[in-house]
N, C-alpha and C. Protein backbone atom coordinates (compact mmCIF):
# COMPACT_ATOMS: atom_id res chain seq x y z
N MET A 1 27.70 -12.25 -8.57
CA MET A 1 28.16 -11.25 -7.65
C MET A 1 27.29 -10.02 -7.76
N GLY A 2 26.91 -9.52 -6.63
CA GLY A 2 26.04 -8.36 -6.63
C GLY A 2 26.77 -7.04 -6.71
N HIS A 3 27.89 -6.93 -6.05
CA HIS A 3 28.59 -5.66 -5.97
C HIS A 3 30.08 -5.83 -6.28
N PRO A 4 30.48 -5.62 -7.52
CA PRO A 4 31.91 -5.76 -7.84
C PRO A 4 32.79 -4.72 -7.14
N GLU A 5 32.21 -3.55 -6.80
CA GLU A 5 32.99 -2.53 -6.09
C GLU A 5 33.39 -3.02 -4.70
N LEU A 6 32.46 -3.69 -4.02
CA LEU A 6 32.77 -4.24 -2.70
C LEU A 6 33.84 -5.31 -2.78
N PHE A 7 33.76 -6.12 -3.84
CA PHE A 7 34.76 -7.17 -4.02
C PHE A 7 36.14 -6.57 -4.24
N MET A 8 36.23 -5.53 -5.08
CA MET A 8 37.51 -4.88 -5.33
C MET A 8 38.05 -4.20 -4.07
N LEU A 9 37.17 -3.55 -3.31
CA LEU A 9 37.60 -2.94 -2.05
C LEU A 9 38.12 -4.00 -1.08
N SER A 10 37.47 -5.14 -1.05
CA SER A 10 37.92 -6.23 -0.17
C SER A 10 39.30 -6.73 -0.58
N ILE A 11 39.54 -6.83 -1.87
CA ILE A 11 40.85 -7.29 -2.36
C ILE A 11 41.93 -6.27 -1.98
N VAL A 12 41.68 -4.99 -2.22
CA VAL A 12 42.67 -3.96 -1.90
C VAL A 12 42.91 -3.91 -0.40
N ARG A 13 41.84 -4.04 0.37
CA ARG A 13 41.99 -4.02 1.84
C ARG A 13 42.81 -5.22 2.31
N ALA A 14 42.61 -6.38 1.70
CA ALA A 14 43.40 -7.56 2.07
C ALA A 14 44.88 -7.36 1.73
N LEU A 15 45.16 -6.76 0.59
CA LEU A 15 46.55 -6.48 0.23
C LEU A 15 47.20 -5.49 1.20
N VAL A 16 46.44 -4.51 1.63
CA VAL A 16 46.95 -3.55 2.61
C VAL A 16 47.22 -4.27 3.94
N GLU A 17 46.34 -5.17 4.32
CA GLU A 17 46.54 -5.94 5.56
C GLU A 17 47.80 -6.79 5.48
N VAL A 18 48.03 -7.42 4.34
CA VAL A 18 49.24 -8.25 4.17
C VAL A 18 50.49 -7.38 4.29
N ALA A 19 50.47 -6.21 3.66
CA ALA A 19 51.63 -5.32 3.74
C ALA A 19 51.85 -4.84 5.17
N MET A 20 50.78 -4.52 5.88
CA MET A 20 50.91 -4.08 7.27
C MET A 20 51.48 -5.19 8.15
N LEU A 21 50.98 -6.39 7.98
CA LEU A 21 51.48 -7.51 8.78
C LEU A 21 52.92 -7.84 8.43
N ALA A 22 53.30 -7.68 7.17
CA ALA A 22 54.69 -7.93 6.79
C ALA A 22 55.61 -6.88 7.41
N LEU A 23 55.19 -5.62 7.44
CA LEU A 23 55.99 -4.59 8.09
C LEU A 23 56.11 -4.86 9.59
N LEU A 24 55.02 -5.28 10.20
CA LEU A 24 55.05 -5.61 11.62
C LEU A 24 55.97 -6.80 11.89
N GLY A 25 55.86 -7.82 11.05
CA GLY A 25 56.72 -8.99 11.20
C GLY A 25 58.18 -8.66 10.99
N GLN A 26 58.47 -7.82 10.02
CA GLN A 26 59.84 -7.41 9.76
C GLN A 26 60.40 -6.64 10.96
N GLY A 27 59.58 -5.81 11.55
CA GLY A 27 60.02 -5.06 12.72
C GLY A 27 60.31 -5.97 13.91
N ILE A 28 59.45 -6.95 14.13
CA ILE A 28 59.65 -7.87 15.25
C ILE A 28 60.89 -8.72 15.03
N VAL A 29 61.06 -9.26 13.82
CA VAL A 29 62.25 -10.07 13.53
C VAL A 29 63.50 -9.20 13.62
N GLY A 30 63.41 -7.95 13.19
CA GLY A 30 64.55 -7.05 13.30
C GLY A 30 64.94 -6.78 14.74
N LEU A 31 63.95 -6.64 15.60
CA LEU A 31 64.24 -6.44 17.02
C LEU A 31 64.86 -7.69 17.65
N LEU A 32 64.36 -8.86 17.27
CA LEU A 32 64.88 -10.10 17.85
C LEU A 32 66.26 -10.46 17.31
N SER A 33 66.55 -10.11 16.06
CA SER A 33 67.84 -10.47 15.48
C SER A 33 68.94 -9.48 15.79
N GLY A 34 68.57 -8.25 16.10
CA GLY A 34 69.58 -7.25 16.43
C GLY A 34 70.38 -6.82 15.22
N ALA A 35 71.69 -6.73 15.40
CA ALA A 35 72.58 -6.25 14.34
C ALA A 35 72.71 -7.24 13.19
N ARG A 36 72.38 -8.50 13.42
CA ARG A 36 72.51 -9.52 12.38
C ARG A 36 71.24 -9.70 11.57
N ARG A 37 70.37 -8.72 11.60
CA ARG A 37 69.08 -8.87 10.91
C ARG A 37 69.22 -9.05 9.40
N GLN A 38 70.22 -8.42 8.78
CA GLN A 38 70.38 -8.54 7.32
C GLN A 38 70.75 -9.95 6.90
N ALA A 39 71.31 -10.75 7.81
CA ALA A 39 71.66 -12.14 7.50
C ALA A 39 70.51 -13.10 7.77
N ASN A 40 69.45 -12.62 8.39
CA ASN A 40 68.32 -13.47 8.74
C ASN A 40 67.44 -13.69 7.51
N PRO A 41 67.18 -14.96 7.11
CA PRO A 41 66.38 -15.20 5.90
C PRO A 41 64.92 -14.77 6.04
N ILE A 42 64.37 -14.85 7.24
CA ILE A 42 62.98 -14.42 7.43
C ILE A 42 62.88 -12.90 7.29
N TYR A 43 63.85 -12.20 7.83
CA TYR A 43 63.90 -10.74 7.69
C TYR A 43 64.02 -10.36 6.21
N GLN A 44 64.84 -11.08 5.47
CA GLN A 44 65.01 -10.82 4.04
C GLN A 44 63.71 -11.08 3.28
N LEU A 45 62.97 -12.11 3.67
CA LEU A 45 61.68 -12.40 3.03
C LEU A 45 60.70 -11.25 3.28
N PHE A 46 60.63 -10.81 4.52
CA PHE A 46 59.77 -9.67 4.82
C PHE A 46 60.22 -8.42 4.06
N ALA A 47 61.52 -8.25 3.91
CA ALA A 47 62.04 -7.09 3.18
C ALA A 47 61.61 -7.10 1.72
N VAL A 48 61.55 -8.28 1.12
CA VAL A 48 61.09 -8.39 -0.27
C VAL A 48 59.62 -7.97 -0.38
N VAL A 49 58.82 -8.39 0.59
CA VAL A 49 57.38 -8.07 0.56
C VAL A 49 57.14 -6.59 0.83
N THR A 50 57.92 -6.01 1.73
CA THR A 50 57.66 -4.62 2.14
C THR A 50 58.41 -3.59 1.30
N ARG A 51 59.32 -4.01 0.47
CA ARG A 51 60.13 -3.05 -0.31
C ARG A 51 59.28 -2.07 -1.13
N PRO A 52 58.24 -2.50 -1.86
CA PRO A 52 57.46 -1.52 -2.63
C PRO A 52 56.76 -0.47 -1.75
N VAL A 53 56.28 -0.89 -0.61
CA VAL A 53 55.59 0.04 0.28
C VAL A 53 56.57 1.05 0.87
N ILE A 54 57.74 0.58 1.25
CA ILE A 54 58.74 1.47 1.83
C ILE A 54 59.26 2.44 0.77
N ARG A 55 59.43 1.98 -0.46
CA ARG A 55 59.86 2.89 -1.54
C ARG A 55 58.82 3.97 -1.81
N LEU A 56 57.55 3.57 -1.79
CA LEU A 56 56.48 4.55 -1.99
C LEU A 56 56.46 5.56 -0.85
N ALA A 57 56.62 5.09 0.38
CA ALA A 57 56.65 6.01 1.53
C ALA A 57 57.85 6.95 1.42
N ARG A 58 58.99 6.44 0.99
CA ARG A 58 60.18 7.28 0.84
C ARG A 58 59.94 8.34 -0.24
N ALA A 59 59.22 7.96 -1.30
CA ALA A 59 58.99 8.90 -2.40
C ALA A 59 58.08 10.05 -1.99
N ILE A 60 57.16 9.82 -1.08
CA ILE A 60 56.19 10.88 -0.74
C ILE A 60 56.55 11.63 0.54
N THR A 61 57.57 11.16 1.27
CA THR A 61 57.97 11.87 2.49
C THR A 61 59.08 12.86 2.17
N PRO A 62 59.17 13.92 2.95
CA PRO A 62 60.26 14.88 2.72
C PRO A 62 61.61 14.27 3.10
N LYS A 63 62.66 14.85 2.57
CA LYS A 63 64.01 14.34 2.83
C LYS A 63 64.42 14.52 4.29
N ALA A 64 63.70 15.34 5.04
CA ALA A 64 64.01 15.54 6.45
C ALA A 64 63.75 14.28 7.28
N ILE A 65 62.90 13.40 6.79
CA ILE A 65 62.62 12.14 7.48
C ILE A 65 63.80 11.21 7.24
N ILE A 66 64.43 10.76 8.33
CA ILE A 66 65.59 9.89 8.17
C ILE A 66 65.16 8.50 7.72
N GLU A 67 66.06 7.79 7.09
CA GLU A 67 65.76 6.49 6.47
C GLU A 67 65.24 5.47 7.49
N ARG A 68 65.72 5.57 8.72
CA ARG A 68 65.30 4.63 9.75
C ARG A 68 63.82 4.75 10.10
N HIS A 69 63.23 5.94 9.88
CA HIS A 69 61.84 6.18 10.24
C HIS A 69 60.86 5.91 9.11
N VAL A 70 61.35 5.66 7.92
CA VAL A 70 60.47 5.46 6.77
C VAL A 70 59.56 4.24 6.95
N PRO A 71 60.02 3.10 7.49
CA PRO A 71 59.07 1.99 7.71
C PRO A 71 57.93 2.35 8.65
N PHE A 72 58.19 3.19 9.65
CA PHE A 72 57.11 3.64 10.54
C PHE A 72 56.10 4.49 9.78
N VAL A 73 56.61 5.37 8.94
CA VAL A 73 55.74 6.20 8.11
C VAL A 73 54.91 5.31 7.17
N ALA A 74 55.55 4.32 6.58
CA ALA A 74 54.85 3.40 5.67
C ALA A 74 53.73 2.67 6.41
N PHE A 75 54.02 2.22 7.63
CA PHE A 75 53.00 1.51 8.41
C PHE A 75 51.83 2.43 8.72
N LEU A 76 52.12 3.67 9.12
CA LEU A 76 51.04 4.61 9.43
C LEU A 76 50.21 4.95 8.19
N LEU A 77 50.87 5.11 7.05
CA LEU A 77 50.13 5.36 5.81
C LEU A 77 49.22 4.19 5.46
N LEU A 78 49.74 2.97 5.61
CA LEU A 78 48.93 1.79 5.35
C LEU A 78 47.77 1.67 6.34
N PHE A 79 48.04 2.01 7.59
CA PHE A 79 46.98 1.96 8.59
C PHE A 79 45.84 2.89 8.23
N TRP A 80 46.16 4.14 7.85
CA TRP A 80 45.11 5.10 7.50
C TRP A 80 44.41 4.71 6.20
N LEU A 81 45.15 4.12 5.28
CA LEU A 81 44.52 3.61 4.06
C LEU A 81 43.55 2.48 4.40
N TRP A 82 43.95 1.61 5.33
CA TRP A 82 43.10 0.51 5.77
C TRP A 82 41.82 1.03 6.42
N ILE A 83 41.94 2.07 7.24
CA ILE A 83 40.76 2.69 7.87
C ILE A 83 39.85 3.30 6.80
N PHE A 84 40.44 4.01 5.85
CA PHE A 84 39.65 4.62 4.78
C PHE A 84 38.92 3.55 3.96
N LEU A 85 39.60 2.45 3.65
CA LEU A 85 38.96 1.38 2.88
C LEU A 85 37.83 0.73 3.66
N ALA A 86 37.97 0.60 4.97
CA ALA A 86 36.89 0.06 5.79
C ALA A 86 35.69 1.00 5.75
N TRP A 87 35.95 2.31 5.83
CA TRP A 87 34.86 3.28 5.75
C TRP A 87 34.19 3.21 4.37
N ALA A 88 34.98 3.13 3.31
CA ALA A 88 34.41 3.07 1.96
C ALA A 88 33.60 1.81 1.75
N LYS A 89 34.08 0.71 2.30
CA LYS A 89 33.33 -0.55 2.18
C LYS A 89 32.00 -0.47 2.90
N ARG A 90 32.03 0.11 4.09
CA ARG A 90 30.77 0.26 4.84
C ARG A 90 29.82 1.23 4.13
N TYR A 91 30.36 2.29 3.54
CA TYR A 91 29.55 3.26 2.81
C TYR A 91 28.87 2.61 1.59
N LEU A 92 29.63 1.76 0.86
CA LEU A 92 29.07 1.12 -0.32
C LEU A 92 28.09 0.00 0.05
N ALA A 93 28.33 -0.65 1.18
CA ALA A 93 27.47 -1.77 1.57
C ALA A 93 26.17 -1.29 2.18
N GLY A 94 26.18 -0.14 2.78
CA GLY A 94 24.99 0.27 3.52
C GLY A 94 24.26 1.33 2.86
């Protein structure tokens, strides 16, 4: 391997992508299931994957942000992290 930094950035970026897709999937399943979303096993699976990201977003957001909006904040934070990692990867590669 020529560049271990690029490899590590690729791994972190892939993990961010998985978390973003899990949040997106959880949102779609939540919309389709409606009020019964907590009983849906797919929604529960997505909730297990996204729980650490949502907890981190809750920890860094002010209390004025209501609980319902925290997954949106988490998704936006992950999106900007994903953009930053893409920029860092391009900077290290070029």
